């Protein structure tokens, strides 16, 4: 498991946003931010529960998504954010944690 980014919720459009259809959220590339921040801007009809929409999260890359979430409380997913990028969000000790598995070259890192 390796730290990937911190997700911060915003209601302001950000430069170079990418759309994640599965959760109806616009995100930025954490590689483009000096502190590895990913901004998230939810669409009004997002399927993500309102109680989770205003929470920041910490994200980690893992080699095996199923193994990483074994025994954990899953709150969103797993789902394919982009081709080759599978993610899941868990609730752990009061924190929202995202696990990311890169299954193939996606152009997203």
PDB file of N, CA and C in Angstrom:
ATOM      1  N   UNK A   1       0.847  -1.168   0.000  1.00  0.00           N
ATOM      2  CA  UNK A   1       0.000   0.000   0.000  1.00  0.00           C
ATOM      3  C   UNK A   1       0.896   1.235   0.000  1.00  0.00           C
ATOM      4  N   UNK A   2       0.567   2.186  -0.873  1.00  0.00           N
ATOM      5  CA  UNK A   2       1.360   3.405  -0.972  1.00  0.00           C
ATOM      6  C   UNK A   2       0.427   4.613  -1.065  1.00  0.00           C
ATOM      7  N   UNK A   3       0.774   5.680  -0.328  1.00  0.00           N
ATOM      8  CA  UNK A   3      -0.019   6.912  -0.372  1.00  0.00           C
ATOM      9  C   UNK A   3      -0.121   7.406  -1.806  1.00  0.00           C
ATOM     10  N   UNK A   4      -1.333   7.832  -2.197  1.00  0.00           N
ATOM     11  CA  UNK A   4      -1.548   8.349  -3.548  1.00  0.00           C
ATOM     12  C   UNK A   4      -1.993   9.808  -3.549  1.00  0.00           C
ATOM     13  N   UNK A   5      -3.013  10.149  -2.747  1.00  0.00           N
ATOM     14  CA  UNK A   5      -3.495  11.527  -2.716  1.00  0.00           C
ATOM     15  C   UNK A   5      -4.430  11.767  -1.543  1.00  0.00           C
ATOM     16  N   UNK A   6      -4.747  13.039  -1.336  1.00  0.00           N
ATOM     17  CA  UNK A   6      -5.802  13.443  -0.409  1.00  0.00           C
ATOM     18  C   UNK A   6      -6.909  14.067  -1.243  1.00  0.00           C
ATOM     19  N   UNK A   7      -8.133  13.593  -1.042  1.00  0.00           N
ATOM     20  CA  UNK A   7      -9.278  14.117  -1.770  1.00  0.00           C
ATOM     21  C   UNK A   7      -9.960  15.216  -0.975  1.00  0.00           C
ATOM     22  N   UNK A   8     -10.171  16.359  -1.617  1.00  0.00           N
ATOM     23  CA  UNK A   8     -10.794  17.513  -0.985  1.00  0.00           C
ATOM     24  C   UNK A   8     -12.021  17.907  -1.788  1.00  0.00           C
ATOM     25  N   UNK A   9     -13.156  18.021  -1.115  1.00  0.00           N
ATOM     26  CA  UNK A   9     -14.417  18.355  -1.766  1.00  0.00           C
ATOM     27  C   UNK A   9     -14.497  19.860  -2.007  1.00  0.00           C
ATOM     28  N   UNK A  10     -14.993  20.233  -3.175  1.00  0.00           N
ATOM     29  CA  UNK A  10     -15.195  21.632  -3.526  1.00  0.00           C
ATOM     30  C   UNK A  10     -16.488  21.781  -4.314  1.00  0.00           C
ATOM     31  N   UNK A  11     -17.010  22.991  -4.334  1.00  0.00           N
ATOM     32  CA  UNK A  11     -18.166  23.267  -5.191  1.00  0.00           C
ATOM     33  C   UNK A  11     -17.757  24.195  -6.336  1.00  0.00           C
ATOM     34  N   UNK A  12     -16.465  24.465  -6.451  1.00  0.00           N
ATOM     35  CA  UNK A  12     -15.925  25.336  -7.490  1.00  0.00           C
ATOM     36  C   UNK A  12     -15.301  24.507  -8.613  1.00  0.00           C
ATOM     37  N   UNK A  13     -15.639  24.861  -9.855  1.00  0.00           N
ATOM     38  CA  UNK A  13     -15.043  24.176 -10.995  1.00  0.00           C
ATOM     39  C   UNK A  13     -13.535  24.386 -10.963  1.00  0.00           C
ATOM     40  N   UNK A  14     -12.787  23.311 -11.253  1.00  0.00           N
ATOM     41  CA  UNK A  14     -11.330  23.333 -11.226  1.00  0.00           C
ATOM     42  C   UNK A  14     -10.782  23.157 -12.644  1.00  0.00           C
ATOM     43  N   UNK A  15      -9.597  23.681 -12.918  1.00  0.00           N
ATOM     44  CA  UNK A  15      -8.982  23.457 -14.237  1.00  0.00           C
ATOM     45  C   UNK A  15      -8.723  21.975 -14.478  1.00  0.00           C
ATOM     46  N   UNK A  16      -8.923  21.546 -15.700  1.00  0.00           N
ATOM     47  CA  UNK A  16      -8.586  20.187 -16.158  1.00  0.00           C
ATOM     48  C   UNK A  16      -9.309  19.085 -15.400  1.00  0.00           C
ATOM     49  N   UNK A  17     -10.551  19.310 -15.030  1.00  0.00           N
ATOM     50  CA  UNK A  17     -11.329  18.272 -14.344  1.00  0.00           C
ATOM     51  C   UNK A  17     -11.596  17.097 -15.282  1.00  0.00           C
ATOM     52  N   UNK A  18     -11.711  15.915 -14.687  1.00  0.00           N
ATOM     53  CA  UNK A  18     -12.088  14.694 -15.403  1.00  0.00           C
ATOM     54  C   UNK A  18     -13.384  14.187 -14.774  1.00  0.00           C
ATOM     55  N   UNK A  19     -14.257  13.600 -15.581  1.00  0.00           N
ATOM     56  CA  UNK A  19     -15.557  13.153 -15.092  1.00  0.00           C
ATOM     57  C   UNK A  19     -15.540  11.654 -14.815  1.00  0.00           C
ATOM     58  N   UNK A  20     -16.005  11.274 -13.616  1.00  0.00           N
ATOM     59  CA  UNK A  20     -16.135   9.864 -13.240  1.00  0.00           C
ATOM     60  C   UNK A  20     -17.622   9.525 -13.310  1.00  0.00           C
ATOM     61  N   UNK A  21     -17.995   8.826 -14.356  1.00  0.00           N
ATOM     62  CA  UNK A  21     -19.406   8.515 -14.623  1.00  0.00           C
ATOM     63  C   UNK A  21     -20.046   7.709 -13.492  1.00  0.00           C
ATOM     64  N   UNK A  22     -19.335   6.734 -12.953  1.00  0.00           N
ATOM     65  CA  UNK A  22     -19.912   5.831 -11.946  1.00  0.00           C
ATOM     66  C   UNK A  22     -20.415   6.560 -10.706  1.00  0.00           C
ATOM     67  N   UNK A  23     -19.747   7.645 -10.335  1.00  0.00           N
ATOM     68  CA  UNK A  23     -20.146   8.386  -9.130  1.00  0.00           C
ATOM     69  C   UNK A  23     -20.621   9.802  -9.431  1.00  0.00           C
ATOM     70  N   UNK A  24     -20.627  10.172 -10.704  1.00  0.00           N
ATOM     71  CA  UNK A  24     -21.064  11.504 -11.137  1.00  0.00           C
ATOM     72  C   UNK A  24     -20.351  12.601 -10.355  1.00  0.00           C
ATOM     73  N   UNK A  25     -19.026  12.540 -10.469  1.00  0.00           N
ATOM     74  CA  UNK A  25     -18.174  13.512  -9.786  1.00  0.00           C
ATOM     75  C   UNK A  25     -17.066  13.952 -10.732  1.00  0.00           C
ATOM     76  N   UNK A  26     -16.736  15.219 -10.664  1.00  0.00           N
ATOM     77  CA  UNK A  26     -15.609  15.777 -11.397  1.00  0.00           C
ATOM     78  C   UNK A  26     -14.400  15.753 -10.475  1.00  0.00           C
ATOM     79  N   UNK A  27     -13.262  15.280 -10.981  1.00  0.00           N
ATOM     80  CA  UNK A  27     -12.045  15.206 -10.164  1.00  0.00           C
ATOM     81  C   UNK A  27     -10.875  15.848 -10.904  1.00  0.00           C
ATOM     82  N   UNK A  28      -9.861  16.223 -10.124  1.00  0.00           N
ATOM     83  CA  UNK A  28      -8.622  16.707 -10.720  1.00  0.00           C
ATOM     84  C   UNK A  28      -7.543  15.648 -10.535  1.00  0.00           C
ATOM     85  N   UNK A  29      -6.463  15.807 -11.270  1.00  0.00           N
ATOM     86  CA  UNK A  29      -5.343  14.866 -11.212  1.00  0.00           C
ATOM     87  C   UNK A  29      -4.414  15.266 -10.069  1.00  0.00           C
ATOM     88  N   UNK A  30      -4.274  14.427  -9.045  1.00  0.00           N
ATOM     89  CA  UNK A  30      -3.383  14.778  -7.935  1.00  0.00           C
ATOM     90  C   UNK A  30      -1.922  14.942  -8.350  1.00  0.00           C
ATOM     91  N   UNK A  31      -1.520  14.341  -9.471  1.00  0.00           N
ATOM     92  CA  UNK A  31      -0.147  14.517  -9.959  1.00  0.00           C
ATOM     93  C   UNK A  31       0.120  15.973 -10.353  1.00  0.00           C
ATOM     94  N   UNK A  32      -0.941  16.719 -10.644  1.00  0.00           N
ATOM     95  CA  UNK A  32      -0.790  18.110 -11.072  1.00  0.00           C
ATOM     96  C   UNK A  32      -0.739  19.083  -9.887  1.00  0.00           C
ATOM     97  N   UNK A  33      -0.922  18.593  -8.684  1.00  0.00           N
ATOM     98  CA  UNK A  33      -0.925  19.443  -7.497  1.00  0.00           C
ATOM     99  C   UNK A  33       0.335  19.171  -6.669  1.00  0.00           C
ATOM    100  N   UNK A  34       1.028  20.210  -6.213  1.00  0.00           N
ATOM    101  CA  UNK A  34       2.285  19.986  -5.482  1.00  0.00           C
ATOM    102  C   UNK A  34       2.127  19.193  -4.181  1.00  0.00           C
ATOM    103  N   UNK A  35       0.933  19.192  -3.605  1.00  0.00           N
ATOM    104  CA  UNK A  35       0.691  18.435  -2.361  1.00  0.00           C
ATOM    105  C   UNK A  35      -0.147  17.188  -2.594  1.00  0.00           C
ATOM    106  N   UNK A  36      -0.298  16.791  -3.863  1.00  0.00           N
ATOM    107  CA  UNK A  36      -1.075  15.603  -4.255  1.00  0.00           C
ATOM    108  C   UNK A  36      -2.527  15.695  -3.776  1.00  0.00           C
ATOM    109  N   UNK A  37      -3.137  16.850  -3.999  1.00  0.00           N
ATOM    110  CA  UNK A  37      -4.553  17.056  -3.688  1.00  0.00           C
ATOM    111  C   UNK A  37      -5.375  16.719  -4.922  1.00  0.00           C
ATOM    112  N   UNK A  38      -6.455  15.977  -4.710  1.00  0.00           N
ATOM    113  CA  UNK A  38      -7.451  15.700  -5.746  1.00  0.00           C
ATOM    114  C   UNK A  38      -8.716  16.444  -5.324  1.00  0.00           C
ATOM    115  N   UNK A  39      -9.171  17.370  -6.158  1.00  0.00           N
ATOM    116  CA  UNK A  39     -10.420  18.067  -5.867  1.00  0.00           C
ATOM    117  C   UNK A  39     -11.577  17.275  -6.450  1.00  0.00           C
ATOM    118  N   UNK A  40     -12.679  17.194  -5.688  1.00  0.00           N
ATOM    119  CA  UNK A  40     -13.883  16.484  -6.106  1.00  0.00           C
ATOM    120  C   UNK A  40     -15.055  17.459  -6.107  1.00  0.00           C
ATOM    121  N   UNK A  41     -15.804  17.456  -7.212  1.00  0.00           N
ATOM    122  CA  UNK A  41     -16.996  18.301  -7.323  1.00  0.00           C
ATOM    123  C   UNK A  41     -18.148  17.420  -7.797  1.00  0.00           C
ATOM    124  N   UNK A  42     -19.091  17.160  -6.904  1.00  0.00           N
ATOM    125  CA  UNK A  42     -20.187  16.231  -7.184  1.00  0.00           C
ATOM    126  C   UNK A  42     -21.303  16.880  -7.991  1.00  0.00           C
ATOM    127  N   UNK A  43     -21.877  16.118  -8.907  1.00  0.00           N
ATOM    128  CA  UNK A  43     -23.088  16.524  -9.625  1.00  0.00           C
ATOM    129  C   UNK A  43     -24.275  16.403  -8.657  1.00  0.00           C
ATOM    130  N   UNK A  44     -25.316  17.199  -8.846  1.00  0.00           N
ATOM    131  CA  UNK A  44     -26.481  17.125  -7.946  1.00  0.00           C
ATOM    132  C   UNK A  44     -27.120  15.734  -7.876  1.00  0.00           C
ATOM    133  N   UNK A  45     -27.045  14.955  -8.961  1.00  0.00           N
ATOM    134  CA  UNK A  45     -27.679  13.633  -8.974  1.00  0.00           C
ATOM    135  C   UNK A  45     -26.693  12.494  -8.737  1.00  0.00           C
ATOM    136  N   UNK A  46     -25.582  12.776  -8.058  1.00  0.00           N
ATOM    137  CA  UNK A  46     -24.614  11.735  -7.747  1.00  0.00           C
ATOM    138  C   UNK A  46     -25.258  10.622  -6.922  1.00  0.00           C
ATOM    139  N   UNK A  47     -24.867   9.372  -7.155  1.00  0.00           N
ATOM    140  CA  UNK A  47     -25.375   8.289  -6.326  1.00  0.00           C
ATOM    141  C   UNK A  47     -24.664   8.177  -4.972  1.00  0.00           C
ATOM    142  N   UNK A  48     -23.631   8.989  -4.760  1.00  0.00           N
ATOM    143  CA  UNK A  48     -22.885   8.959  -3.496  1.00  0.00           C
ATOM    144  C   UNK A  48     -23.763   9.547  -2.393  1.00  0.00           C
ATOM    145  N   UNK A  49     -23.861   8.828  -1.288  1.00  0.00           N
ATOM    146  CA  UNK A  49     -24.696   9.270  -0.172  1.00  0.00           C
ATOM    147  C   UNK A  49     -24.304  10.676   0.285  1.00  0.00           C
ATOM    148  N   UNK A  50     -25.299  11.509   0.584  1.00  0.00           N
ATOM    149  CA  UNK A  50     -25.005  12.875   1.043  1.00  0.00           C
ATOM    150  C   UNK A  50     -24.055  12.926   2.231  1.00  0.00           C
ATOM    151  N   UNK A  51     -24.126  11.951   3.127  1.00  0.00           N
ATOM    152  CA  UNK A  51     -23.250  11.954   4.303  1.00  0.00           C
ATOM    153  C   UNK A  51     -21.776  11.768   3.935  1.00  0.00           C
ATOM    154  N   UNK A  52     -21.502  11.271   2.731  1.00  0.00           N
ATOM    155  CA  UNK A  52     -20.123  11.057   2.297  1.00  0.00           C
ATOM    156  C   UNK A  52     -19.629  12.157   1.357  1.00  0.00           C
ATOM    157  N   UNK A  53     -20.541  12.914   0.777  1.00  0.00           N
ATOM    158  CA  UNK A  53     -20.168  13.900  -0.239  1.00  0.00           C
ATOM    159  C   UNK A  53     -19.337  15.054   0.299  1.00  0.00           C
ATOM    160  N   UNK A  54     -19.445  15.370   1.561  1.00  0.00           N
ATOM    161  CA  UNK A  54     -18.720  16.512   2.116  1.00  0.00           C
ATOM    162  C   UNK A  54     -17.471  16.114   2.894  1.00  0.00           C
ATOM    163  N   UNK A  55     -17.053  14.871   2.757  1.00  0.00           N
ATOM    164  CA  UNK A  55     -15.903  14.384   3.530  1.00  0.00           C
ATOM    165  C   UNK A  55     -14.668  14.271   2.661  1.00  0.00           C
ATOM    166  N   UNK A  56     -13.548  14.692   3.207  1.00  0.00           N
ATOM    167  CA  UNK A  56     -12.263  14.490   2.553  1.00  0.00           C
ATOM    168  C   UNK A  56     -11.879  13.019   2.707  1.00  0.00           C
ATOM    169  N   UNK A  57     -10.934  12.574   1.903  1.00  0.00           N
ATOM    170  CA  UNK A  57     -10.467  11.195   2.015  1.00  0.00           C
ATOM    171  C   UNK A  57      -8.966  11.116   1.745  1.00  0.00           C
ATOM    172  N   UNK A  58      -8.383  10.030   2.177  1.00  0.00           N
ATOM    173  CA  UNK A  58      -6.991   9.709   1.883  1.00  0.00           C
ATOM    174  C   UNK A  58      -6.997   8.479   0.989  1.00  0.00           C
ATOM    175  N   UNK A  59      -6.162   8.498  -0.047  1.00  0.00           N
ATOM    176  CA  UNK A  59      -6.157   7.407  -1.020  1.00  0.00           C
ATOM    177  C   UNK A  59      -4.795   6.718  -1.058  1.00  0.00           C
ATOM    178  N   UNK A  60      -4.864   5.401  -1.252  1.00  0.00           N
ATOM    179  CA  UNK A  60      -3.670   4.562  -1.348  1.00  0.00           C
ATOM    180  C   UNK A  60      -3.785   3.673  -2.574  1.00  0.00           C
ATOM    181  N   UNK A  61      -2.663   3.409  -3.225  1.00  0.00           N
ATOM    182  CA  UNK A  61      -2.646   2.410  -4.285  1.00  0.00           C
ATOM    183  C   UNK A  61      -2.322   1.062  -3.664  1.00  0.00           C
ATOM    184  N   UNK A  62      -2.937   0.031  -4.215  1.00  0.00           N
ATOM    185  CA  UNK A  62      -2.716  -1.332  -3.731  1.00  0.00           C
ATOM    186  C   UNK A  62      -2.545  -2.260  -4.933  1.00  0.00           C
ATOM    187  N   UNK A  63      -1.903  -3.380  -4.695  1.00  0.00           N
ATOM    188  CA  UNK A  63      -1.728  -4.369  -5.751  1.00  0.00           C
ATOM    189  C   UNK A  63      -2.969  -5.225  -5.942  1.00  0.00           C
ATOM    190  N   UNK A  64      -3.706  -5.463  -4.851  1.00  0.00           N
ATOM    191  CA  UNK A  64      -4.879  -6.337  -4.887  1.00  0.00           C
ATOM    192  C   UNK A  64      -6.012  -5.673  -4.113  1.00  0.00           C
ATOM    193  N   UNK A  65      -6.970  -5.105  -4.830  1.00  0.00           N
ATOM    194  CA  UNK A  65      -8.069  -4.377  -4.208  1.00  0.00           C
ATOM    195  C   UNK A  65      -8.881  -5.266  -3.270  1.00  0.00           C
ATOM    196  N   UNK A  66      -9.204  -6.461  -3.706  1.00  0.00           N
ATOM    197  CA  UNK A  66     -10.005  -7.362  -2.868  1.00  0.00           C
ATOM    198  C   UNK A  66      -9.300  -7.696  -1.561  1.00  0.00           C
ATOM    199  N   UNK A  67      -8.024  -7.929  -1.628  1.00  0.00           N
ATOM    200  CA  UNK A  67      -7.263  -8.228  -0.416  1.00  0.00           C
ATOM    201  C   UNK A  67      -7.205  -7.000   0.495  1.00  0.00           C
ATOM    202  N   UNK A  68      -7.029  -5.824  -0.072  1.00  0.00           N
ATOM    203  CA  UNK A  68      -6.905  -4.596   0.716  1.00  0.00           C
ATOM    204  C   UNK A  68      -8.177  -4.279   1.499  1.00  0.00           C
ATOM    205  N   UNK A  69      -9.333  -4.630   0.945  1.00  0.00           N
ATOM    206  CA  UNK A  69     -10.598  -4.278   1.611  1.00  0.00           C
ATOM    207  C   UNK A  69     -11.193  -5.434   2.414  1.00  0.00           C
ATOM    208  N   UNK A  70     -10.524  -6.557   2.421  1.00  0.00           N
ATOM    209  CA  UNK A  70     -11.029  -7.716   3.153  1.00  0.00           C
ATOM    210  C   UNK A  70     -11.268  -7.367   4.623  1.00  0.00           C
ATOM    211  N   UNK A  71     -12.492  -7.572   5.082  1.00  0.00           N
ATOM    212  CA  UNK A  71     -12.850  -7.317   6.474  1.00  0.00           C
ATOM    213  C   UNK A  71     -13.135  -5.860   6.796  1.00  0.00           C
ATOM    214  N   UNK A  72     -13.065  -4.985   5.807  1.00  0.00           N
ATOM    215  CA  UNK A  72     -13.294  -3.556   6.038  1.00  0.00           C
ATOM    216  C   UNK A  72     -14.735  -3.177   5.692  1.00  0.00           C
ATOM    217  N   UNK A  73     -15.188  -2.055   6.227  1.00  0.00           N
ATOM    218  CA  UNK A  73     -16.539  -1.559   5.959  1.00  0.00           C
ATOM    219  C   UNK A  73     -16.526  -0.744   4.658  1.00  0.00           C
ATOM    220  N   UNK A  74     -17.001  -1.348   3.578  1.00  0.00           N
ATOM    221  CA  UNK A  74     -17.046  -0.683   2.275  1.00  0.00           C
ATOM    222  C   UNK A  74     -18.247   0.257   2.243  1.00  0.00           C
ATOM    223  N   UNK A  75     -18.009   1.516   1.810  1.00  0.00           N
ATOM    224  CA  UNK A  75     -19.096   2.495   1.743  1.00  0.00           C
ATOM    225  C   UNK A  75     -19.402   2.937   0.317  1.00  0.00           C
ATOM    226  N   UNK A  76     -18.455   2.798  -0.605  1.00  0.00           N
ATOM    227  CA  UNK A  76     -18.682   3.088  -2.023  1.00  0.00           C
ATOM    228  C   UNK A  76     -17.861   2.109  -2.846  1.00  0.00           C
ATOM    229  N   UNK A  77     -18.525   1.450  -3.802  1.00  0.00           N
ATOM    230  CA  UNK A  77     -17.814   0.600  -4.743  1.00  0.00           C
ATOM    231  C   UNK A  77     -17.742  -0.845  -4.290  1.00  0.00           C
ATOM    232  N   UNK A  78     -16.813  -1.548  -4.900  1.00  0.00           N
ATOM    233  CA  UNK A  78     -15.822  -1.126  -5.874  1.00  0.00           C
ATOM    234  C   UNK A  78     -16.450  -0.784  -7.230  1.00  0.00           C
ATOM    235  N   UNK A  79     -15.746   0.093  -7.980  1.00  0.00           N
ATOM    236  CA  UNK A  79     -16.196   0.482  -9.310  1.00  0.00           C
ATOM    237  C   UNK A  79     -14.991   0.892 -10.141  1.00  0.00           C
ATOM    238  N   UNK A  80     -15.188   0.921 -11.463  1.00  0.00           N
ATOM    239  CA  UNK A  80     -14.137   1.366 -12.379  1.00  0.00           C
ATOM    240  C   UNK A  80     -14.276   2.873 -12.559  1.00  0.00           C
ATOM    241  N   UNK A  81     -13.301   3.625 -12.048  1.00  0.00           N
ATOM    242  CA  UNK A  81     -13.320   5.080 -12.193  1.00  0.00           C
ATOM    243  C   UNK A  81     -13.000   5.460 -13.639  1.00  0.00           C
ATOM    244  N   UNK A  82     -12.030   4.778 -14.208  1.00  0.00           N
ATOM    245  CA  UNK A  82     -11.610   4.942 -15.594  1.00  0.00           C
ATOM    246  C   UNK A  82     -11.157   3.574 -16.065  1.00  0.00           C
ATOM    247  N   UNK A  83     -11.016   3.360 -17.363  1.00  0.00           N
ATOM    248  CA  UNK A  83     -10.484   2.076 -17.808  1.00  0.00           C
ATOM    249  C   UNK A  83      -9.125   1.806 -17.151  1.00  0.00           C
ATOM    250  N   UNK A  84      -9.013   0.664 -16.512  1.00  0.00           N
ATOM    251  CA  UNK A  84      -7.773   0.285 -15.863  1.00  0.00           C
ATOM    252  C   UNK A  84      -7.585   0.827 -14.459  1.00  0.00           C
ATOM    253  N   UNK A  85      -8.609   1.514 -13.936  1.00  0.00           N
ATOM    254  CA  UNK A  85      -8.514   2.096 -12.600  1.00  0.00           C
ATOM    255  C   UNK A  85      -9.742   1.681 -11.793  1.00  0.00           C
ATOM    256  N   UNK A  86      -9.539   0.763 -10.860  1.00  0.00           N
ATOM    257  CA  UNK A  86     -10.622   0.249 -10.014  1.00  0.00           C
ATOM    258  C   UNK A  86     -10.439   0.827  -8.618  1.00  0.00           C
ATOM    259  N   UNK A  87     -11.538   1.340  -8.025  1.00  0.00           N
ATOM    260  CA  UNK A  87     -11.449   1.976  -6.710  1.00  0.00           C
ATOM    261  C   UNK A  87     -12.575   1.527  -5.789  1.00  0.00           C
ATOM    262  N   UNK A  88     -12.327   1.704  -4.512  1.00  0.00           N
ATOM    263  CA  UNK A  88     -13.328   1.427  -3.483  1.00  0.00           C
ATOM    264  C   UNK A  88     -13.043   2.372  -2.322  1.00  0.00           C
ATOM    265  N   UNK A  89     -14.112   2.783  -1.641  1.00  0.00           N
ATOM    266  CA  UNK A  89     -13.978   3.631  -0.455  1.00  0.00           C
ATOM    267  C   UNK A  89     -14.441   2.846   0.759  1.00  0.00           C
ATOM    268  N   UNK A  90     -13.689   2.984   1.840  1.00  0.00           N
ATOM    269  CA  UNK A  90     -14.028   2.319   3.089  1.00  0.00           C
ATOM    270  C   UNK A  90     -14.109   3.350   4.207  1.00  0.00           C
ATOM    271  N   UNK A  91     -14.754   2.951   5.290  1.00  0.00           N
ATOM    272  CA  UNK A  91     -14.803   3.752   6.517  1.00  0.00           C
ATOM    273  C   UNK A  91     -13.913   3.029   7.508  1.00  0.00           C
ATOM    274  N   UNK A  92     -12.865   3.708   7.981  1.00  0.00           N
ATOM    275  CA  UNK A  92     -11.925   3.087   8.905  1.00  0.00           C
ATOM    276  C   UNK A  92     -11.604   4.042  10.047  1.00  0.00           C
ATOM    277  N   UNK A  93     -12.000   3.666  11.242  1.00  0.00           N
ATOM    278  CA  UNK A  93     -11.724   4.480  12.431  1.00  0.00           C
ATOM    279  C   UNK A  93     -12.164   5.928  12.244  1.00  0.00           C
ATOM    280  N   UNK A  94     -13.331   6.119  11.634  1.00  0.00           N
ATOM    281  CA  UNK A  94     -13.885   7.454  11.429  1.00  0.00           C
ATOM    282  C   UNK A  94     -13.350   8.180  10.217  1.00  0.00           C
ATOM    283  N   UNK A  95     -12.445   7.573   9.472  1.00  0.00           N
ATOM    284  CA  UNK A  95     -11.861   8.217   8.290  1.00  0.00           C
ATOM    285  C   UNK A  95     -12.358   7.544   7.016  1.00  0.00           C
ATOM    286  N   UNK A  96     -12.499   8.338   5.965  1.00  0.00           N
ATOM    287  CA  UNK A  96     -12.860   7.828   4.656  1.00  0.00           C
ATOM    288  C   UNK A  96     -11.562   7.530   3.899  1.00  0.00           C
ATOM    289  N   UNK A  97     -11.397   6.267   3.493  1.00  0.00           N
ATOM    290  CA  UNK A  97     -10.174   5.811   2.831  1.00  0.00           C
ATOM    291  C   UNK A  97     -10.534   5.275   1.453  1.00  0.00           C
ATOM    292  N   UNK A  98      -9.750   5.667   0.460  1.00  0.00           N
ATOM    293  CA  UNK A  98      -9.919   5.157  -0.905  1.00  0.00           C
ATOM    294  C   UNK A  98      -8.758   4.227  -1.220  1.00  0.00           C
ATOM    295  N   UNK A  99      -9.066   3.084  -1.809  1.00  0.00           N
ATOM    296  CA  UNK A  99      -8.053   2.166  -2.302  1.00  0.00           C
ATOM    297  C   UNK A  99      -8.159   2.133  -3.822  1.00  0.00           C
ATOM    298  N   UNK A 100      -7.016   2.196  -4.487  1.00  0.00           N
ATOM    299  CA  UNK A 100      -6.955   2.254  -5.943  1.00  0.00           C
ATOM    300  C   UNK A 100      -6.100   1.106  -6.442  1.00  0.00           C
ATOM    301  N   UNK A 101      -6.632   0.374  -7.411  1.00  0.00           N
ATOM    302  CA  UNK A 101      -5.867  -0.683  -8.080  1.00  0.00           C
ATOM    303  C   UNK A 101      -5.783  -0.331  -9.545  1.00  0.00           C
ATOM    304  N   UNK A 102      -4.570  -0.169 -10.055  1.00  0.00           N
ATOM    305  CA  UNK A 102      -4.356   0.060 -11.476  1.00  0.00           C
ATOM    306  C   UNK A 102      -4.238  -1.304 -12.148  1.00  0.00           C
ATOM    307  N   UNK A 103      -5.229  -1.632 -12.959  1.00  0.00           N
ATOM    308  CA  UNK A 103      -5.267  -2.957 -13.572  1.00  0.00           C
ATOM    309  C   UNK A 103      -4.604  -2.996 -14.945  1.00  0.00           C
ATOM    310  N   UNK A 104      -4.374  -1.812 -15.533  1.00  0.00           N
ATOM    311  CA  UNK A 104      -3.696  -1.722 -16.829  1.00  0.00           C
ATOM    312  C   UNK A 104      -3.263  -0.280 -17.012  1.00  0.00           C
ATOM    313  N   UNK A 105      -2.517  -0.012 -18.054  1.00  0.00           N
ATOM    314  CA  UNK A 105      -2.120   1.361 -18.349  1.00  0.00           C
ATOM    315  C   UNK A 105      -3.377   2.190 -18.625  1.00  0.00           C
ATOM    316  N   UNK A 106      -3.559   3.262 -17.877  1.00  0.00           N
ATOM    317  CA  UNK A 106      -4.777   4.052 -18.001  1.00  0.00           C
ATOM    318  C   UNK A 106      -4.512   5.490 -18.389  1.00  0.00           C
ATOM    319  N   UNK A 107      -3.270   5.940 -18.284  1.00  0.00           N
ATOM    320  CA  UNK A 107      -2.992   7.353 -18.503  1.00  0.00           C
ATOM    321  C   UNK A 107      -3.211   8.156 -17.238  1.00  0.00           C
ATOM    322  N   UNK A 108      -3.778   7.530 -16.208  1.00  0.00           N
ATOM    323  CA  UNK A 108      -4.001   8.148 -14.905  1.00  0.00           C
ATOM    324  C   UNK A 108      -2.980   7.523 -13.962  1.00  0.00           C
ATOM    325  N   UNK A 109      -2.365   8.324 -13.138  1.00  0.00           N
ATOM    326  CA  UNK A 109      -1.433   7.759 -12.163  1.00  0.00           C
ATOM    327  C   UNK A 109      -1.765   8.312 -10.814  1.00  0.00           C
TER     328      UNK A 109
END
